[in-house]
PDB file of N, CA and C in Angstrom:
ATOM      1  N   MET A   1      70.420 174.640  53.905  1.00  0.00           N
ATOM      2  CA  MET A   1      69.584 174.473  55.085  1.00  0.00           C
ATOM      3  C   MET A   1      69.524 175.744  55.931  1.00  0.00           C
ATOM      4  N   THR A   2      70.582 176.514  55.924  1.00  0.00           N
ATOM      5  CA  THR A   2      70.565 177.764  56.686  1.00  0.00           C
ATOM      6  C   THR A   2      69.438 178.662  56.212  1.00  0.00           C
ATOM      7  N   GLU A   3      69.234 178.708  54.898  1.00  0.00           N
ATOM      8  CA  GLU A   3      68.149 179.527  54.350  1.00  0.00           C
ATOM      9  C   GLU A   3      66.788 179.015  54.822  1.00  0.00           C
ATOM     10  N   LEU A   4      66.604 177.697  54.814  1.00  0.00           N
ATOM     11  CA  LEU A   4      65.343 177.120  55.285  1.00  0.00           C
ATOM     12  C   LEU A   4      65.106 177.477  56.748  1.00  0.00           C
ATOM     13  N   VAL A   5      66.130 177.336  57.570  1.00  0.00           N
ATOM     14  CA  VAL A   5      66.003 177.653  58.993  1.00  0.00           C
ATOM     15  C   VAL A   5      65.651 179.128  59.179  1.00  0.00           C
ATOM     16  N   ASN A   6      66.326 180.004  58.455  1.00  0.00           N
ATOM     17  CA  ASN A   6      66.037 181.440  58.565  1.00  0.00           C
ATOM     18  C   ASN A   6      64.611 181.761  58.133  1.00  0.00           C
ATOM     19  N   ARG A   7      64.156 181.145  57.040  1.00  0.00           N
ATOM     20  CA  ARG A   7      62.785 181.376  56.584  1.00  0.00           C
ATOM     21  C   ARG A   7      61.784 180.805  57.572  1.00  0.00           C
ATOM     22  N   TYR A   8      62.110 179.632  58.130  1.00  0.00           N
ATOM     23  CA  TYR A   8      61.221 178.989  59.108  1.00  0.00           C
ATOM     24  C   TYR A   8      61.030 179.901  60.325  1.00  0.00           C
ATOM     25  N   LEU A   9      62.104 180.417  60.866  1.00  0.00           N
ATOM     26  CA  LEU A   9      61.984 181.277  62.045  1.00  0.00           C
ATOM     27  C   LEU A   9      61.350 182.625  61.710  1.00  0.00           C
ATOM     28  N   ALA A  10      61.631 183.152  60.526  1.00  0.00           N
ATOM     29  CA  ALA A  10      61.088 184.459  60.140  1.00  0.00           C
ATOM     30  C   ALA A  10      59.575 184.439  59.980  1.00  0.00           C
ATOM     31  N   ILE A  11      59.027 183.306  59.585  1.00  0.00           N
ATOM     32  CA  ILE A  11      57.584 183.259  59.314  1.00  0.00           C
ATOM     33  C   ILE A  11      56.760 183.571  60.563  1.00  0.00           C
ATOM     34  N   TRP A  12      57.282 183.252  61.728  1.00  0.00           N
ATOM     35  CA  TRP A  12      56.539 183.499  62.971  1.00  0.00           C
ATOM     36  C   TRP A  12      56.453 184.989  63.287  1.00  0.00           C
ATOM     37  N   HIS A  13      57.297 185.798  62.631  1.00  0.00           N
ATOM     38  CA  HIS A  13      57.301 187.249  62.843  1.00  0.00           C
ATOM     39  C   HIS A  13      56.585 188.003  61.720  1.00  0.00           C
ATOM     40  N   GLU A  14      56.181 187.293  60.679  1.00  0.00           N
ATOM     41  CA  GLU A  14      55.575 187.945  59.505  1.00  0.00           C
ATOM     42  C   GLU A  14      54.217 188.542  59.865  1.00  0.00           C
ATOM     43  N   THR A  15      54.073 189.841  59.628  1.00  0.00           N
ATOM     44  CA  THR A  15      52.831 190.536  59.970  1.00  0.00           C
ATOM     45  C   THR A  15      51.822 190.537  58.829  1.00  0.00           C
ATOM     46  N   ASP A  16      52.280 190.416  57.601  1.00  0.00           N
ATOM     47  CA  ASP A  16      51.407 190.459  56.434  1.00  0.00           C
ATOM     48  C   ASP A  16      50.859 189.063  56.134  1.00  0.00           C
ATOM     49  N   ALA A  17      49.539 188.912  56.173  1.00  0.00           N
ATOM     50  CA  ALA A  17      48.903 187.598  55.989  1.00  0.00           C
ATOM     51  C   ALA A  17      49.199 187.005  54.611  1.00  0.00           C
ATOM     52  N   ASP A  18      49.209 187.825  53.568  1.00  0.00           N
ATOM     53  CA  ASP A  18      49.498 187.305  52.226  1.00  0.00           C
ATOM     54  C   ASP A  18      50.943 186.832  52.119  1.00  0.00           C
ATOM     55  N   ALA A  19      51.864 187.605  52.674  1.00  0.00           N
ATOM     56  CA  ALA A  19      53.282 187.200  52.658  1.00  0.00           C
ATOM     57  C   ALA A  19      53.469 185.931  53.481  1.00  0.00           C
ATOM     58  N   ARG A  20      52.756 185.820  54.586  1.00  0.00           N
ATOM     59  CA  ARG A  20      52.830 184.620  55.426  1.00  0.00           C
ATOM     60  C   ARG A  20      52.322 183.400  54.652  1.00  0.00           C
ATOM     61  N   ARG A  21      51.220 183.543  53.963  1.00  0.00           N
ATOM     62  CA  ARG A  21      50.639 182.446  53.181  1.00  0.00           C
ATOM     63  C   ARG A  21      51.615 182.000  52.090  1.00  0.00           C
ATOM     64  N   THR A  22      52.225 182.956  51.405  1.00  0.00           N
ATOM     65  CA  THR A  22      53.211 182.627  50.369  1.00  0.00           C
ATOM     66  C   THR A  22      54.399 181.899  50.976  1.00  0.00           C
ATOM     67  N   ALA A  23      54.890 182.378  52.095  1.00  0.00           N
ATOM     68  CA  ALA A  23      56.035 181.742  52.754  1.00  0.00           C
ATOM     69  C   ALA A  23      55.704 180.322  53.193  1.00  0.00           C
ATOM     70  N   ILE A  24      54.493 180.104  53.644  1.00  0.00           N
ATOM     71  CA  ILE A  24      54.082 178.751  54.059  1.00  0.00           C
ATOM     72  C   ILE A  24      54.178 177.786  52.884  1.00  0.00           C
ATOM     73  N   THR A  25      53.773 178.219  51.689  1.00  0.00           N
ATOM     74  CA  THR A  25      53.862 177.335  50.521  1.00  0.00           C
ATOM     75  C   THR A  25      55.310 177.065  50.119  1.00  0.00           C
ATOM     76  N   GLU A  26      56.217 177.931  50.538  1.00  0.00           N
ATOM     77  CA  GLU A  26      57.636 177.759  50.218  1.00  0.00           C
ATOM     78  C   GLU A  26      58.383 176.962  51.280  1.00  0.00           C
ATOM     79  N   ILE A  27      57.737 176.703  52.414  1.00  0.00           N
ATOM     80  CA  ILE A  27      58.389 175.979  53.513  1.00  0.00           C
ATOM     81  C   ILE A  27      57.777 174.593  53.692  1.00  0.00           C
ATOM     82  N   TRP A  28      56.439 174.513  53.787  1.00  0.00           N
ATOM     83  CA  TRP A  28      55.763 173.245  54.060  1.00  0.00           C
ATOM     84  C   TRP A  28      55.153 172.661  52.781  1.00  0.00           C
ATOM     85  N   SER A  29      55.165 171.350  52.665  1.00  0.00           N
ATOM     86  CA  SER A  29      54.521 170.688  51.544  1.00  0.00           C
ATOM     87  C   SER A  29      53.001 170.806  51.687  1.00  0.00           C
ATOM     88  N   GLU A  30      52.290 170.509  50.621  1.00  0.00           N
ATOM     89  CA  GLU A  30      50.833 170.702  50.590  1.00  0.00           C
ATOM     90  C   GLU A  30      50.108 169.960  51.718  1.00  0.00           C
ATOM     91  N   HIS A  31      50.520 168.742  52.000  1.00  0.00           N
ATOM     92  CA  HIS A  31      49.842 167.935  53.018  1.00  0.00           C
ATOM     93  C   HIS A  31      50.708 167.754  54.269  1.00  0.00           C
ATOM     94  N   ALA A  32      51.533 168.736  54.549  1.00  0.00           N
ATOM     95  CA  ALA A  32      52.432 168.659  55.706  1.00  0.00           C
ATOM     96  C   ALA A  32      51.643 168.506  57.003  1.00  0.00           C
ATOM     97  N   ARG A  33      52.341 167.975  57.986  1.00  0.00           N
ATOM     98  CA  ARG A  33      51.743 167.779  59.315  1.00  0.00           C
ATOM     99  C   ARG A  33      52.651 168.430  60.348  1.00  0.00           C
ATOM    100  N   VAL A  34      52.064 169.273  61.192  1.00  0.00           N
ATOM    101  CA  VAL A  34      52.774 169.934  62.280  1.00  0.00           C
ATOM    102  C   VAL A  34      52.200 169.410  63.588  1.00  0.00           C
ATOM    103  N   CYS A  35      53.069 168.912  64.458  1.00  0.00           N
ATOM    104  CA  CYS A  35      52.621 168.352  65.731  1.00  0.00           C
ATOM    105  C   CYS A  35      53.281 169.091  66.884  1.00  0.00           C
ATOM    106  N   THR A  36      52.442 169.607  67.781  1.00  0.00           N
ATOM    107  CA  THR A  36      52.920 170.176  69.033  1.00  0.00           C
ATOM    108  C   THR A  36      52.526 169.211  70.142  1.00  0.00           C
ATOM    109  N   GLY A  37      52.891 169.506  71.363  1.00  0.00           N
ATOM    110  CA  GLY A  37      52.530 168.622  72.463  1.00  0.00           C
ATOM    111  C   GLY A  37      51.027 168.454  72.625  1.00  0.00           C
ATOM    112  N   ASP A  38      50.267 169.484  72.264  1.00  0.00           N
ATOM    113  CA  ASP A  38      48.817 169.460  72.472  1.00  0.00           C
ATOM    114  C   ASP A  38      47.981 169.364  71.205  1.00  0.00           C
ATOM    115  N   ASN A  39      48.562 169.671  70.057  1.00  0.00           N
ATOM    116  CA  ASN A  39      47.760 169.776  68.841  1.00  0.00           C
ATOM    117  C   ASN A  39      48.446 169.149  67.632  1.00  0.00           C
ATOM    118  N   ASP A  40      47.647 168.938  66.614  1.00  0.00           N
ATOM    119  CA  ASP A  40      48.099 168.339  65.360  1.00  0.00           C
ATOM    120  C   ASP A  40      47.445 169.135  64.229  1.00  0.00           C
ATOM    121  N   TYR A  41      48.258 169.641  63.310  1.00  0.00           N
ATOM    122  CA  TYR A  41      47.767 170.464  62.203  1.00  0.00           C
ATOM    123  C   TYR A  41      48.187 169.805  60.897  1.00  0.00           C
ATOM    124  N   THR A  42      47.245 169.524  60.011  1.00  0.00           N
ATOM    125  CA  THR A  42      47.571 168.876  58.748  1.00  0.00           C
ATOM    126  C   THR A  42      47.091 169.742  57.584  1.00  0.00           C
ATOM    127  N   GLY A  43      47.989 170.004  56.655  1.00  0.00           N
ATOM    128  CA  GLY A  43      47.686 170.810  55.476  1.00  0.00           C
ATOM    129  C   GLY A  43      48.048 172.268  55.684  1.00  0.00           C
ATOM    130  N   ARG A  44      48.273 172.934  54.576  1.00  0.00           N
ATOM    131  CA  ARG A  44      48.745 174.323  54.638  1.00  0.00           C
ATOM    132  C   ARG A  44      47.748 175.272  55.293  1.00  0.00           C
ATOM    133  N   ALA A  45      46.460 175.060  55.098  1.00  0.00           N
ATOM    134  CA  ALA A  45      45.466 175.954  55.714  1.00  0.00           C
ATOM    135  C   ALA A  45      45.534 175.860  57.234  1.00  0.00           C
ATOM    136  N   ALA A  46      45.653 174.647  57.747  1.00  0.00           N
ATOM    137  CA  ALA A  46      45.752 174.462  59.199  1.00  0.00           C
ATOM    138  C   ALA A  46      47.072 175.029  59.728  1.00  0.00           C
ATOM    139  N   ILE A  47      48.126 174.856  58.968  1.00  0.00           N
ATOM    140  CA  ILE A  47      49.432 175.396  59.382  1.00  0.00           C
ATOM    141  C   ILE A  47      49.388 176.916  59.374  1.00  0.00           C
ATOM    142  N   GLU A  48      48.752 177.483  58.363  1.00  0.00           N
ATOM    143  CA  GLU A  48      48.617 178.938  58.312  1.00  0.00           C
ATOM    144  C   GLU A  48      47.863 179.461  59.532  1.00  0.00           C
ATOM    145  N   ALA A  49      46.782 178.792  59.919  1.00  0.00           N
ATOM    146  CA  ALA A  49      46.020 179.203  61.105  1.00  0.00           C
ATOM    147  C   ALA A  49      46.879 179.095  62.363  1.00  0.00           C
ATOM    148  N   ARG A  50      47.686 178.030  62.458  1.00  0.00           N
ATOM    149  CA  ARG A  50      48.564 177.845  63.616  1.00  0.00           C
ATOM    150  C   ARG A  50      49.614 178.952  63.692  1.00  0.00           C
ATOM    151  N   VAL A  51      50.252 179.258  62.555  1.00  0.00           N
ATOM    152  CA  VAL A  51      51.285 180.303  62.526  1.00  0.00           C
ATOM    153  C   VAL A  51      50.670 181.658  62.866  1.00  0.00           C
ATOM    154  N   ALA A  52      49.504 181.954  62.297  1.00  0.00           N
ATOM    155  CA  ALA A  52      48.841 183.232  62.571  1.00  0.00           C
ATOM    156  C   ALA A  52      48.483 183.361  64.047  1.00  0.00           C
ATOM    157  N   ALA A  53      47.950 182.293  64.640  1.00  0.00           N
ATOM    158  CA  ALA A  53      47.580 182.332  66.060  1.00  0.00           C
ATOM    159  C   ALA A  53      48.808 182.519  66.944  1.00  0.00           C
ATOM    160  N   ALA A  54      49.883 181.817  66.627  1.00  0.00           N
ATOM    161  CA  ALA A  54      51.119 181.964  67.415  1.00  0.00           C
ATOM    162  C   ALA A  54      51.672 183.377  67.266  1.00  0.00           C
ATOM    163  N   HIS A  55      51.663 183.895  66.054  1.00  0.00           N
ATOM    164  CA  HIS A  55      52.139 185.263  65.830  1.00  0.00           C
ATOM    165  C   HIS A  55      51.303 186.259  66.629  1.00  0.00           C
ATOM    166  N   ASP A  56      49.990 186.140  66.518  1.00  0.00           N
ATOM    167  CA  ASP A  56      49.100 187.084  67.210  1.00  0.00           C
ATOM    168  C   ASP A  56      49.337 187.067  68.718  1.00  0.00           C
ATOM    169  N   LYS A  57      49.466 185.878  69.288  1.00  0.00           N
ATOM    170  CA  LYS A  57      49.630 185.774  70.739  1.00  0.00           C
ATOM    171  C   LYS A  57      51.034 186.158  71.198  1.00  0.00           C
ATOM    172  N   TRP A  58      52.048 185.498  70.656  1.00  0.00           N
ATOM    173  CA  TRP A  58      53.395 185.634  71.211  1.00  0.00           C
ATOM    174  C   TRP A  58      54.163 186.835  70.679  1.00  0.00           C
ATOM    175  N   VAL A  59      53.963 187.203  69.439  1.00  0.00           N
ATOM    176  CA  VAL A  59      54.719 188.302  68.848  1.00  0.00           C
ATOM    177  C   VAL A  59      53.942 189.613  68.963  1.00  0.00           C
ATOM    178  N   ALA A  60      52.732 189.650  68.385  1.00  0.00           N
ATOM    179  CA  ALA A  60      51.959 190.894  68.365  1.00  0.00           C
ATOM    180  C   ALA A  60      51.492 191.334  69.748  1.00  0.00           C
ATOM    181  N   GLN A  61      50.931 190.406  70.534  1.00  0.00           N
ATOM    182  CA  GLN A  61      50.375 190.772  71.834  1.00  0.00           C
ATOM    183  C   GLN A  61      51.421 190.777  72.956  1.00  0.00           C
ATOM    184  N   GLU A  62      52.243 189.753  73.005  1.00  0.00           N
ATOM    185  CA  GLU A  62      53.183 189.594  74.121  1.00  0.00           C
ATOM    186  C   GLU A  62      54.552 190.213  73.860  1.00  0.00           C
ATOM    187  N   GLY A  63      54.879 190.516  72.607  1.00  0.00           N
ATOM    188  CA  GLY A  63      56.136 191.200  72.297  1.00  0.00           C
ATOM    189  C   GLY A  63      57.376 190.327  72.297  1.00  0.00           C
ATOM    190  N   PHE A  64      57.239 189.053  71.950  1.00  0.00           N
ATOM    191  CA  PHE A  64      58.381 188.154  71.902  1.00  0.00           C
ATOM    192  C   PHE A  64      58.902 188.007  70.480  1.00  0.00           C
ATOM    193  N   VAL A  65      60.134 187.542  70.374  1.00  0.00           N
ATOM    194  CA  VAL A  65      60.716 187.140  69.095  1.00  0.00           C
ATOM    195  C   VAL A  65      61.292 185.739  69.271  1.00  0.00           C
ATOM    196  N   PHE A  66      61.348 185.017  68.169  1.00  0.00           N
ATOM    197  CA  PHE A  66      61.932 183.684  68.165  1.00  0.00           C
ATOM    198  C   PHE A  66      63.296 183.767  67.503  1.00  0.00           C
ATOM    199  N   ARG A  67      64.282 183.151  68.123  1.00  0.00           N
ATOM    200  CA  ARG A  67      65.618 183.165  67.533  1.00  0.00           C
ATOM    201  C   ARG A  67      66.274 181.804  67.713  1.00  0.00           C
ATOM    202  N   PRO A  68      67.190 181.485  66.799  1.00  0.00           N
ATOM    203  CA  PRO A  68      67.846 180.174  66.883  1.00  0.00           C
ATOM    204  C   PRO A  68      68.831 180.119  68.042  1.00  0.00           C
ATOM    205  N   LEU A  69      69.018 178.936  68.565  1.00  0.00           N
ATOM    206  CA  LEU A  69      70.063 178.668  69.557  1.00  0.00           C
ATOM    207  C   LEU A  69      71.115 177.807  68.860  1.00  0.00           C
ATOM    208  N   GLY A  70      72.133 178.431  68.332  1.00  0.00           N
ATOM    209  CA  GLY A  70      73.144 177.692  67.593  1.00  0.00           C
ATOM    210  C   GLY A  70      72.664 177.357  66.195  1.00  0.00           C
ATOM    211  N   GLY A  71      73.466 176.571  65.509  1.00  0.00           N
ATOM    212  CA  GLY A  71      73.131 176.187  64.148  1.00  0.00           C
ATOM    213  C   GLY A  71      72.202 174.995  64.117  1.00  0.00           C
ATOM    214  N   ALA A  72      71.610 174.772  62.968  1.00  0.00           N
ATOM    215  CA  ALA A  72      70.729 173.622  62.775  1.00  0.00           C
ATOM    216  C   ALA A  72      71.575 172.366  62.604  1.00  0.00           C
ATOM    217  N   ASP A  73      71.035 171.257  63.053  1.00  0.00           N
ATOM    218  CA  ASP A  73      71.658 169.952  62.846  1.00  0.00           C
ATOM    219  C   ASP A  73      70.918 169.269  61.712  1.00  0.00           C
ATOM    220  N   ILE A  74      71.683 168.743  60.759  1.00  0.00           N
ATOM    221  CA  ILE A  74      71.089 168.120  59.581  1.00  0.00           C
ATOM    222  C   ILE A  74      71.552 166.680  59.501  1.00  0.00           C
ATOM    223  N   HIS A  75      70.597 165.788  59.318  1.00  0.00           N
ATOM    224  CA  HIS A  75      70.891 164.358  59.222  1.00  0.00           C
ATOM    225  C   HIS A  75      69.959 163.772  58.176  1.00  0.00           C
ATOM    226  N   HIS A  76      70.500 163.401  57.029  1.00  0.00           N
ATOM    227  CA  HIS A  76      69.711 162.904  55.897  1.00  0.00           C
ATOM    228  C   HIS A  76      68.604 163.902  55.560  1.00  0.00           C
ATOM    229  N   ASP A  77      67.353 163.531  55.709  1.00  0.00           N
ATOM    230  CA  ASP A  77      66.241 164.438  55.404  1.00  0.00           C
ATOM    231  C   ASP A  77      65.673 165.085  56.662  1.00  0.00           C
ATOM    232  N   GLY A  78      66.400 165.002  57.761  1.00  0.00           N
ATOM    233  CA  GLY A  78      65.935 165.582  59.012  1.00  0.00           C
ATOM    234  C   GLY A  78      66.715 166.835  59.379  1.00  0.00           C
ATOM    235  N   VAL A  79      66.018 167.788  59.978  1.00  0.00           N
ATOM    236  CA  VAL A  79      66.628 169.040  60.427  1.00  0.00           C
ATOM    237  C   VAL A  79      66.160 169.302  61.852  1.00  0.00           C
ATOM    238  N   ARG A  80      67.122 169.563  62.746  1.00  0.00           N
ATOM    239  CA  ARG A  80      66.781 169.918  64.126  1.00  0.00           C
ATOM    240  C   ARG A  80      67.159 171.376  64.344  1.00  0.00           C
ATOM    241  N   ILE A  81      66.156 172.153  64.765  1.00  0.00           N
ATOM    242  CA  ILE A  81      66.349 173.578  65.046  1.00  0.00           C
ATOM    243  C   ILE A  81      66.111 173.799  66.535  1.00  0.00           C
ATOM    244  N   ARG A  82      67.115 174.279  67.230  1.00  0.00           N
ATOM    245  CA  ARG A  82      66.933 174.692  68.622  1.00  0.00           C
ATOM    246  C   ARG A  82      66.619 176.188  68.609  1.00  0.00           C
ATOM    247  N   TRP A  83      65.635 176.595  69.396  1.00  0.00           N
ATOM    248  CA  TRP A  83      65.185 177.981  69.385  1.00  0.00           C
ATOM    249  C   TRP A  83      64.840 178.443  70.798  1.00  0.00           C
ATOM    250  N   GLU A  84      64.715 179.752  70.915  1.00  0.00           N
ATOM    251  CA  GLU A  84      64.219 180.338  72.154  1.00  0.00           C
ATOM    252  C   GLU A  84      63.317 181.509  71.828  1.00  0.00           C
ATOM    253  N   MET A  85      62.399 181.773  72.744  1.00  0.00           N
ATOM    254  CA  MET A  85      61.472 182.886  72.620  1.00  0.00           C
ATOM    255  C   MET A  85      61.864 183.909  73.683  1.00  0.00           C
ATOM    256  N   VAL A  86      62.262 185.100  73.226  1.00  0.00           N
ATOM    257  CA  VAL A  86      62.760 186.135  74.130  1.00  0.00           C
ATOM    258  C   VAL A  86      61.985 187.429  73.922  1.00  0.00           C
ATOM    259  N   PRO A  87      61.946 188.296  74.948  1.00  0.00           N
ATOM    260  CA  PRO A  87      61.313 189.599  74.755  1.00  0.00           C
ATOM    261  C   PRO A  87      62.039 190.376  73.652  1.00  0.00           C
ATOM    262  N   ALA A  88      61.292 191.036  72.785  1.00  0.00           N
ATOM    263  CA  ALA A  88      61.887 191.782  71.674  1.00  0.00           C
ATOM    264  C   ALA A  88      62.867 192.845  72.177  1.00  0.00           C
ATOM    265  N   GLY A  89      62.618 193.401  73.337  1.00  0.00           N
ATOM    266  CA  GLY A  89      63.485 194.434  73.896  1.00  0.00           C
ATOM    267  C   GLY A  89      64.677 193.890  74.652  1.00  0.00           C
ATOM    268  N   GLY A  90      64.820 192.582  74.694  1.00  0.00           N
ATOM    269  CA  GLY A  90      65.925 191.957  75.416  1.00  0.00           C
ATOM    270  C   GLY A  90      65.445 191.362  76.724  1.00  0.00           C
ATOM    271  N   GLY A  91      66.231 190.482  77.257  1.00  0.00           N
ATOM    272  CA  GLY A  91      65.892 189.835  78.516  1.00  0.00           C
ATOM    273  C   GLY A  91      66.001 188.328  78.420  1.00  0.00           C
ATOM    274  N   GLU A  92      65.592 187.685  79.488  1.00  0.00           N
ATOM    275  CA  GLU A  92      65.685 186.229  79.585  1.00  0.00           C
ATOM    276  C   GLU A  92      64.660 185.538  78.692  1.00  0.00           C
ATOM    277  N   ALA A  93      65.014 184.360  78.234  1.00  0.00           N
ATOM    278  CA  ALA A  93      64.106 183.562  77.410  1.00  0.00           C
ATOM    279  C   ALA A  93      62.892 183.146  78.236  1.00  0.00           C
ATOM    280  N   ALA A  94      61.714 183.291  77.633  1.00  0.00           N
ATOM    281  CA  ALA A  94      60.478 182.863  78.277  1.00  0.00           C
ATOM    282  C   ALA A  94      60.178 181.408  77.948  1.00  0.00           C
ATOM    283  N   SER A  95      60.764 180.920  76.859  1.00  0.00           N
ATOM    284  CA  SER A  95      60.554 179.546  76.439  1.00  0.00           C
ATOM    285  C   SER A  95      61.690 179.145  75.509  1.00  0.00           C
ATOM    286  N   ALA A  96      61.904 177.852  75.408  1.00  0.00           N
ATOM    287  CA  ALA A  96      62.910 177.317  74.478  1.00  0.00           C
ATOM    288  C   ALA A  96      62.463 175.929  74.063  1.00  0.00           C
ATOM    289  N   GLY A  97      62.909 175.529  72.905  1.00  0.00           N
ATOM    290  CA  GLY A  97      62.521 174.209  72.442  1.00  0.00           C
ATOM    291  C   GLY A  97      63.278 173.784  71.213  1.00  0.00           C
ATOM    292  N   VAL A  98      62.752 172.729  70.610  1.00  0.00           N
ATOM    293  CA  VAL A  98      63.352 172.132  69.425  1.00  0.00           C
ATOM    294  C   VAL A  98      62.246 171.856  68.409  1.00  0.00           C
ATOM    295  N   GLN A  99      62.526 172.164  67.166  1.00  0.00           N
ATOM    296  CA  GLN A  99      61.680 171.732  66.048  1.00  0.00           C
ATOM    297  C   GLN A  99      62.467 170.652  65.332  1.00  0.00           C
ATOM    298  N   PHE A 100      61.820 169.526  65.087  1.00  0.00           N
ATOM    299  CA  PHE A 100      62.424 168.483  64.282  1.00  0.00           C
ATOM    300  C   PHE A 100      61.620 168.392  62.997  1.00  0.00           C
ATOM    301  N   LEU A 101      62.276 168.696  61.877  1.00  0.00           N
ATOM    302  CA  LEU A 101      61.616 168.737  60.578  1.00  0.00           C
ATOM    303  C   LEU A 101      62.082 167.571  59.727  1.00  0.00           C
ATOM    304  N   LEU A 102      61.150 166.921  59.060  1.00  0.00           N
ATOM    305  CA  LEU A 102      61.477 165.905  58.066  1.00  0.00           C
ATOM    306  C   LEU A 102      61.068 166.462  56.709  1.00  0.00           C
ATOM    307  N   LEU A 103      61.996 166.464  55.778  1.00  0.00           N
ATOM    308  CA  LEU A 103      61.780 167.072  54.476  1.00  0.00           C
ATOM    309  C   LEU A 103      61.373 166.037  53.432  1.00  0.00           C
ATOM    310  N   ASP A 104      60.624 166.490  52.439  1.00  0.00           N
ATOM    311  CA  ASP A 104      60.268 165.610  51.328  1.00  0.00           C
ATOM    312  C   ASP A 104      61.354 165.709  50.247  1.00  0.00           C
ATOM    313  N   ALA A 105      61.137 165.036  49.129  1.00  0.00           N
ATOM    314  CA  ALA A 105      62.130 164.997  48.050  1.00  0.00           C
ATOM    315  C   ALA A 105      62.384 166.377  47.439  1.00  0.00           C
ATOM    316  N   ASP A 106      61.428 167.298  47.580  1.00  0.00           N
ATOM    317  CA  ASP A 106      61.582 168.650  47.046  1.00  0.00           C
ATOM    318  C   ASP A 106      62.206 169.620  48.046  1.00  0.00           C
ATOM    319  N   GLY A 107      62.561 169.126  49.233  1.00  0.00           N
ATOM    320  CA  GLY A 107      63.155 169.982  50.256  1.00  0.00           C
ATOM    321  C   GLY A 107      62.146 170.779  51.056  1.00  0.00           C
ATOM    322  N   LEU A 108      60.864 170.453  50.919  1.00  0.00           N
ATOM    323  CA  LEU A 108      59.821 171.103  51.718  1.00  0.00           C
ATOM    324  C   LEU A 108      59.575 170.286  52.980  1.00  0.00           C
ATOM    325  N   VAL A 109      59.120 170.947  54.019  1.00  0.00           N
ATOM    326  CA  VAL A 109      58.838 170.272  55.281  1.00  0.00           C
ATOM    327  C   VAL A 109      57.596 169.406  55.115  1.00  0.00           C
ATOM    328  N   ARG A 110      57.739 168.125  55.397  1.00  0.00           N
ATOM    329  CA  ARG A 110      56.613 167.184  55.344  1.00  0.00           C
ATOM    330  C   ARG A 110      56.060 166.932  56.741  1.00  0.00           C
ATOM    331  N   PHE A 111      56.953 166.824  57.715  1.00  0.00           N
ATOM    332  CA  PHE A 111      56.577 166.633  59.122  1.00  0.00           C
ATOM    333  C   PHE A 111      57.359 167.628  59.968  1.00  0.00           C
ATOM    334  N   ASP A 112      56.691 168.220  60.941  1.00  0.00           N
ATOM    335  CA  ASP A 112      57.265 169.252  61.798  1.00  0.00           C
ATOM    336  C   ASP A 112      56.834 168.944  63.231  1.00  0.00           C
ATOM    337  N   TYR A 113      57.780 168.489  64.042  1.00  0.00           N
ATOM    338  CA  TYR A 113      57.489 168.125  65.418  1.00  0.00           C
ATOM    339  C   TYR A 113      58.115 169.133  66.370  1.00  0.00           C
ATOM    340  N   GLN A 114      57.314 169.657  67.287  1.00  0.00           N
ATOM    341  CA  GLN A 114      57.797 170.624  68.260  1.00  0.00           C
ATOM    342  C   GLN A 114      57.950 169.976  69.630  1.00  0.00           C
ATOM    343  N   PHE A 115      59.092 170.246  70.251  1.00  0.00           N
ATOM    344  CA  PHE A 115      59.366 169.811  71.611  1.00  0.00           C
ATOM    345  C   PHE A 115      59.701 171.045  72.434  1.00  0.00           C
ATOM    346  N   ILE A 116      58.942 171.302  73.488  1.00  0.00           N
ATOM    347  CA  ILE A 116      59.189 172.454  74.361  1.00  0.00           C
ATOM    348  C   ILE A 116      60.067 171.983  75.517  1.00  0.00           C
ATOM    349  N   ASP A 117      61.209 172.653  75.686  1.00  0.00           N
ATOM    350  CA  ASP A 117      62.121 172.338  76.774  1.00  0.00           C
ATOM    351  C   ASP A 117      61.822 173.135  78.030  1.00  0.00           C
ATOM    352  N   SER A 118      61.399 174.376  77.828  1.00  0.00           N
ATOM    353  CA  SER A 118      61.071 175.226  78.991  1.00  0.00           C
ATOM    354  C   SER A 118      60.100 176.324  78.583  1.00  0.00           C
TER     355      SER A 118
END
């Protein structure tokens, strides 16, 4: 699970679109669903668009990085990742939250729920 968590967080920093697309197929199942407080993305193409938009805004334009807050919690097929978004050069977190992932039988993410704490 540590590898999955590391790959999950790394994808938001991936600058190469082809590498990002490949990583998405290695993390999310074909018909995966990602839910944020405001939006719902179903399927790898929609997830790819979501990851690219988040990367462009928060990483490329705003200069943030995403990092884990402690280790992941694993319960059956569920994984909870606590994270924070901080300036790449250091400083206070601009945001923090939790991703709750439900995995399929192949260990790919089937459902991905985001909760923003701050």
